[in-house]
Every structure is written in C-alpha cells, then in structure tokens.
Amino acid sequence: MAELVTVEVEGFDEADYKKVNQNLGLDMYSGTGDLPAGLLAHAAGPVEGGWKVVEVWASRADQENFLQSRLGAAMHQAGATAEPKITWLPLVAYTSPGK
C-alpha cells in the first residue's frame, strides 16, 4: 500500500519552494519535469512559520531514495538551514479520482 509523508520546513516560503523545484528540474504547478520514481501525489502550501509538503509515495524507500539522491542537495542549494520535519502516516486507502 502507498504511504503518505508530510515534510515541514521552518522558515521556508513559496519563493524557497520554487527554488527547490527549479533545482530539481520540476514544475509542481503543472506536474511536469523530472518527477521522481514512486511519487503518486504532491501538494504544498504555507503553514505558520514555514512551508508544508504532503505527498503520497508508492513506497517509503522511493521517497527516501529521492531525499538522499536529489532533494537534500536541492534544498541546501535553495538555502534551507533548518532540518525538515518528516512525518510518515500509513495509508489504509488511497485513490486518485479521475485517473
């Protein structure tokens, strides 16, 4: 079953989010670019004091591989200094209407 992850980055805003995605070769507004293997869904927006990303992945291993191989460096290049807070939630059900 797919897994849900939330990633919260203190001090980040939409401009930082755009920088990270540019560093990754992604346009998450259109869902185009060099999308990582195993990513099933992505949503992002501001939270008090930072930025939150909510994603559904085919497996935790897929997300961890992406974090280690690409995302960590892209966040560093964008100026992230705070360690992101990562929370995993097991999914009992996942569907993507309209696909």
N, C-alpha and C. Protein backbone atom coordinates (compact mmCIF):
# COMPACT_ATOMS: atom_id res chain seq x y z
N MET A 1 0.84 -1.19 0.00
CA MET A 1 0.00 0.00 0.00
C MET A 1 0.88 1.24 0.00
N ALA A 2 0.42 2.27 -0.65
CA ALA A 2 1.12 3.55 -0.70
C ALA A 2 1.25 4.15 0.71
N GLU A 3 2.19 5.06 0.86
CA GLU A 3 2.41 5.72 2.15
C GLU A 3 2.37 7.22 1.96
N LEU A 4 1.90 7.92 3.00
CA LEU A 4 1.81 9.37 2.99
C LEU A 4 2.91 9.95 3.84
N VAL A 5 3.53 11.02 3.34
CA VAL A 5 4.56 11.70 4.11
C VAL A 5 4.25 13.19 4.12
N THR A 6 4.49 13.82 5.28
CA THR A 6 4.44 15.27 5.35
C THR A 6 5.85 15.76 5.66
N VAL A 7 6.22 16.84 4.99
CA VAL A 7 7.54 17.44 5.19
C VAL A 7 7.30 18.91 5.49
N GLU A 8 7.70 19.34 6.67
CA GLU A 8 7.53 20.74 7.06
C GLU A 8 8.90 21.37 7.23
N VAL A 9 9.08 22.55 6.59
CA VAL A 9 10.36 23.24 6.64
C VAL A 9 10.15 24.61 7.26
N GLU A 10 10.70 24.80 8.44
CA GLU A 10 10.59 26.06 9.14
C GLU A 10 11.35 27.15 8.38
N GLY A 11 10.71 28.32 8.25
CA GLY A 11 11.36 29.45 7.61
C GLY A 11 11.28 29.46 6.10
N PHE A 12 10.71 28.43 5.50
CA PHE A 12 10.56 28.37 4.04
C PHE A 12 9.27 29.06 3.64
N ASP A 13 9.25 29.59 2.40
CA ASP A 13 8.05 30.18 1.84
C ASP A 13 7.92 29.74 0.38
N GLU A 14 6.96 30.31 -0.33
CA GLU A 14 6.73 29.88 -1.71
C GLU A 14 7.93 30.14 -2.61
N ALA A 15 8.64 31.24 -2.39
CA ALA A 15 9.83 31.53 -3.21
C ALA A 15 10.88 30.44 -3.01
N ASP A 16 11.07 29.99 -1.76
CA ASP A 16 12.03 28.91 -1.48
C ASP A 16 11.58 27.61 -2.14
N TYR A 17 10.28 27.34 -2.05
CA TYR A 17 9.70 26.14 -2.68
C TYR A 17 9.97 26.15 -4.18
N LYS A 18 9.78 27.29 -4.80
CA LYS A 18 10.03 27.41 -6.25
C LYS A 18 11.51 27.17 -6.56
N LYS A 19 12.41 27.69 -5.71
CA LYS A 19 13.85 27.48 -5.92
C LYS A 19 14.20 26.00 -5.85
N VAL A 20 13.66 25.31 -4.85
CA VAL A 20 13.93 23.88 -4.71
C VAL A 20 13.47 23.13 -5.95
N ASN A 21 12.26 23.41 -6.40
CA ASN A 21 11.73 22.73 -7.58
C ASN A 21 12.53 23.07 -8.83
N GLN A 22 12.97 24.31 -8.95
CA GLN A 22 13.81 24.68 -10.09
C GLN A 22 15.12 23.89 -10.04
N ASN A 23 15.72 23.77 -8.86
CA ASN A 23 16.95 22.99 -8.70
C ASN A 23 16.74 21.52 -9.07
N LEU A 24 15.52 21.03 -8.86
CA LEU A 24 15.19 19.63 -9.17
C LEU A 24 14.77 19.42 -10.62
N GLY A 25 14.55 20.50 -11.36
CA GLY A 25 14.05 20.37 -12.73
C GLY A 25 12.58 20.01 -12.76
N LEU A 26 11.81 20.53 -11.78
CA LEU A 26 10.39 20.22 -11.67
C LEU A 26 9.54 21.48 -11.74
N ASP A 27 8.34 21.33 -12.25
CA ASP A 27 7.32 22.37 -12.15
C ASP A 27 6.12 21.70 -11.48
N MET A 28 6.04 21.83 -10.17
CA MET A 28 4.97 21.16 -9.44
C MET A 28 3.62 21.83 -9.63
N TYR A 29 3.59 23.02 -10.21
CA TYR A 29 2.33 23.68 -10.51
C TYR A 29 1.63 22.99 -11.68
N SER A 30 2.44 22.49 -12.63
CA SER A 30 1.87 21.77 -13.77
C SER A 30 2.09 20.26 -13.68
N GLY A 31 2.94 19.83 -12.74
CA GLY A 31 3.23 18.41 -12.59
C GLY A 31 4.15 17.88 -13.68
N THR A 32 5.03 18.74 -14.19
CA THR A 32 5.94 18.35 -15.26
C THR A 32 7.39 18.43 -14.80
N GLY A 33 8.25 17.82 -15.58
CA GLY A 33 9.67 17.82 -15.29
C GLY A 33 10.16 16.44 -14.91
N ASP A 34 11.31 16.42 -14.26
CA ASP A 34 11.97 15.17 -13.88
C ASP A 34 11.37 14.64 -12.58
N LEU A 35 10.12 14.17 -12.66
CA LEU A 35 9.41 13.68 -11.47
C LEU A 35 10.08 12.42 -10.93
N PRO A 36 10.18 12.29 -9.61
CA PRO A 36 10.85 11.13 -9.02
C PRO A 36 10.00 9.86 -9.16
N ALA A 37 10.69 8.76 -9.33
CA ALA A 37 10.02 7.45 -9.39
C ALA A 37 9.30 7.20 -8.09
N GLY A 38 8.06 6.73 -8.17
CA GLY A 38 7.29 6.36 -7.00
C GLY A 38 6.40 7.45 -6.43
N LEU A 39 6.54 8.70 -6.91
CA LEU A 39 5.69 9.79 -6.43
C LEU A 39 4.31 9.65 -7.05
N LEU A 40 3.28 9.54 -6.20
CA LEU A 40 1.91 9.36 -6.68
C LEU A 40 1.09 10.65 -6.60
N ALA A 41 1.36 11.49 -5.60
CA ALA A 41 0.62 12.73 -5.42
C ALA A 41 1.48 13.72 -4.63
N HIS A 42 1.27 15.02 -4.91
CA HIS A 42 2.05 16.06 -4.25
C HIS A 42 1.16 17.28 -4.04
N ALA A 43 1.22 17.86 -2.86
CA ALA A 43 0.53 19.11 -2.56
C ALA A 43 1.42 19.91 -1.62
N ALA A 44 1.37 21.24 -1.73
CA ALA A 44 2.24 22.07 -0.90
C ALA A 44 1.56 23.40 -0.61
N GLY A 45 1.92 23.98 0.52
CA GLY A 45 1.39 25.29 0.86
C GLY A 45 1.97 25.80 2.17
N PRO A 46 1.66 27.08 2.45
CA PRO A 46 2.21 27.70 3.66
C PRO A 46 1.52 27.21 4.93
N VAL A 47 2.31 27.14 5.97
CA VAL A 47 1.83 26.89 7.32
C VAL A 47 2.48 27.95 8.22
N GLU A 48 1.97 28.10 9.41
CA GLU A 48 2.53 29.10 10.30
C GLU A 48 4.03 28.85 10.51
N GLY A 49 4.83 29.83 10.12
CA GLY A 49 6.27 29.75 10.31
C GLY A 49 7.04 28.98 9.27
N GLY A 50 6.37 28.52 8.20
CA GLY A 50 7.11 27.75 7.21
C GLY A 50 6.27 27.26 6.06
N TRP A 51 6.65 26.10 5.55
CA TRP A 51 6.06 25.51 4.36
C TRP A 51 5.85 24.03 4.58
N LYS A 52 4.73 23.49 4.09
CA LYS A 52 4.46 22.07 4.27
C LYS A 52 4.19 21.42 2.92
N VAL A 53 4.77 20.25 2.73
CA VAL A 53 4.53 19.42 1.56
C VAL A 53 3.89 18.13 2.04
N VAL A 54 2.85 17.70 1.35
CA VAL A 54 2.17 16.45 1.64
C VAL A 54 2.23 15.61 0.38
N GLU A 55 2.76 14.40 0.51
CA GLU A 55 2.93 13.55 -0.68
C GLU A 55 2.46 12.13 -0.40
N VAL A 56 2.05 11.46 -1.46
CA VAL A 56 1.78 10.03 -1.42
C VAL A 56 2.82 9.37 -2.31
N TRP A 57 3.46 8.35 -1.76
CA TRP A 57 4.51 7.63 -2.46
C TRP A 57 4.13 6.15 -2.58
N ALA A 58 4.61 5.51 -3.63
CA ALA A 58 4.40 4.08 -3.80
C ALA A 58 5.03 3.31 -2.65
N SER A 59 6.16 3.83 -2.15
CA SER A 59 6.83 3.20 -1.01
C SER A 59 7.70 4.23 -0.30
N ARG A 60 7.96 3.98 0.96
CA ARG A 60 8.85 4.84 1.74
C ARG A 60 10.25 4.81 1.14
N ALA A 61 10.67 3.67 0.64
CA ALA A 61 12.00 3.55 0.03
C ALA A 61 12.15 4.49 -1.17
N ASP A 62 11.08 4.64 -1.97
CA ASP A 62 11.14 5.56 -3.12
C ASP A 62 11.39 6.99 -2.65
N GLN A 63 10.68 7.43 -1.61
CA GLN A 63 10.85 8.79 -1.12
C GLN A 63 12.22 8.97 -0.49
N GLU A 64 12.66 8.00 0.28
CA GLU A 64 13.97 8.11 0.92
C GLU A 64 15.09 8.14 -0.11
N ASN A 65 14.95 7.39 -1.20
CA ASN A 65 15.93 7.44 -2.28
C ASN A 65 15.96 8.83 -2.91
N PHE A 66 14.78 9.41 -3.16
CA PHE A 66 14.69 10.75 -3.72
C PHE A 66 15.32 11.78 -2.78
N LEU A 67 15.04 11.66 -1.48
CA LEU A 67 15.60 12.58 -0.50
C LEU A 67 17.13 12.52 -0.53
N GLN A 68 17.67 11.31 -0.51
CA GLN A 68 19.12 11.14 -0.47
C GLN A 68 19.80 11.51 -1.79
N SER A 69 19.19 11.18 -2.92
CA SER A 69 19.85 11.38 -4.20
C SER A 69 19.64 12.76 -4.81
N ARG A 70 18.52 13.44 -4.46
CA ARG A 70 18.24 14.72 -5.13
C ARG A 70 17.71 15.82 -4.22
N LEU A 71 16.74 15.51 -3.39
CA LEU A 71 16.04 16.55 -2.65
C LEU A 71 16.92 17.26 -1.64
N GLY A 72 17.71 16.52 -0.90
CA GLY A 72 18.58 17.12 0.11
C GLY A 72 19.49 18.19 -0.49
N ALA A 73 20.13 17.87 -1.59
CA ALA A 73 21.04 18.82 -2.25
C ALA A 73 20.27 20.03 -2.79
N ALA A 74 19.09 19.79 -3.36
CA ALA A 74 18.29 20.89 -3.91
C ALA A 74 17.85 21.84 -2.81
N MET A 75 17.49 21.30 -1.65
CA MET A 75 17.09 22.16 -0.53
C MET A 75 18.29 22.96 -0.01
N HIS A 76 19.43 22.32 0.07
CA HIS A 76 20.64 23.01 0.51
C HIS A 76 20.98 24.15 -0.45
N GLN A 77 20.90 23.89 -1.75
CA GLN A 77 21.17 24.92 -2.75
C GLN A 77 20.19 26.08 -2.65
N ALA A 78 18.97 25.81 -2.21
CA ALA A 78 17.95 26.85 -2.07
C ALA A 78 18.10 27.63 -0.76
N GLY A 79 19.03 27.21 0.09
CA GLY A 79 19.30 27.94 1.31
C GLY A 79 18.64 27.40 2.56
N ALA A 80 18.12 26.19 2.51
CA ALA A 80 17.49 25.60 3.70
C ALA A 80 18.55 25.38 4.77
N THR A 81 18.28 25.87 5.95
CA THR A 81 19.20 25.67 7.06
C THR A 81 18.57 24.80 8.15
N ALA A 82 17.26 24.87 8.27
CA ALA A 82 16.57 24.06 9.28
C ALA A 82 16.37 22.65 8.75
N GLU A 83 16.50 21.69 9.64
CA GLU A 83 16.24 20.29 9.29
C GLU A 83 14.73 20.12 9.07
N PRO A 84 14.31 19.58 7.93
CA PRO A 84 12.87 19.40 7.72
C PRO A 84 12.29 18.37 8.69
N LYS A 85 11.06 18.64 9.13
CA LYS A 85 10.34 17.70 9.99
C LYS A 85 9.57 16.76 9.07
N ILE A 86 9.92 15.48 9.10
CA ILE A 86 9.31 14.49 8.23
C ILE A 86 8.44 13.56 9.07
N THR A 87 7.19 13.40 8.67
CA THR A 87 6.25 12.54 9.38
C THR A 87 5.63 11.56 8.38
N TRP A 88 5.70 10.28 8.69
CA TRP A 88 5.09 9.24 7.85
C TRP A 88 3.77 8.80 8.46
N LEU A 89 2.79 8.59 7.61
CA LEU A 89 1.49 8.09 8.04
C LEU A 89 1.11 6.90 7.17
N PRO A 90 0.79 5.78 7.78
CA PRO A 90 0.37 4.63 6.98
C PRO A 90 -0.99 4.91 6.38
N LEU A 91 -1.18 4.53 5.13
CA LEU A 91 -2.46 4.71 4.46
C LEU A 91 -3.24 3.41 4.50
N VAL A 92 -4.49 3.51 4.82
CA VAL A 92 -5.39 2.37 4.80
C VAL A 92 -6.04 2.31 3.42
N ALA A 93 -6.22 3.50 2.81
CA ALA A 93 -6.82 3.58 1.48
C ALA A 93 -6.21 4.75 0.74
N TYR A 94 -6.08 4.63 -0.56
CA TYR A 94 -5.60 5.70 -1.41
C TYR A 94 -6.25 5.52 -2.77
N THR A 95 -6.84 6.59 -3.27
CA THR A 95 -7.39 6.58 -4.61
C THR A 95 -7.14 7.93 -5.24
N SER A 96 -7.08 7.96 -6.53
CA SER A 96 -6.88 9.19 -7.27
C SER A 96 -8.00 9.32 -8.29
N PRO A 97 -9.11 9.94 -7.92
CA PRO A 97 -10.25 10.06 -8.82
C PRO A 97 -9.85 10.77 -10.12
N GLY A 98 -10.45 10.34 -11.19
CA GLY A 98 -10.20 10.98 -12.48
C GLY A 98 -9.05 10.41 -13.27
N LYS A 99 -8.34 9.44 -12.72
CA LYS A 99 -7.22 8.86 -13.48
C LYS A 99 -7.67 7.60 -14.18
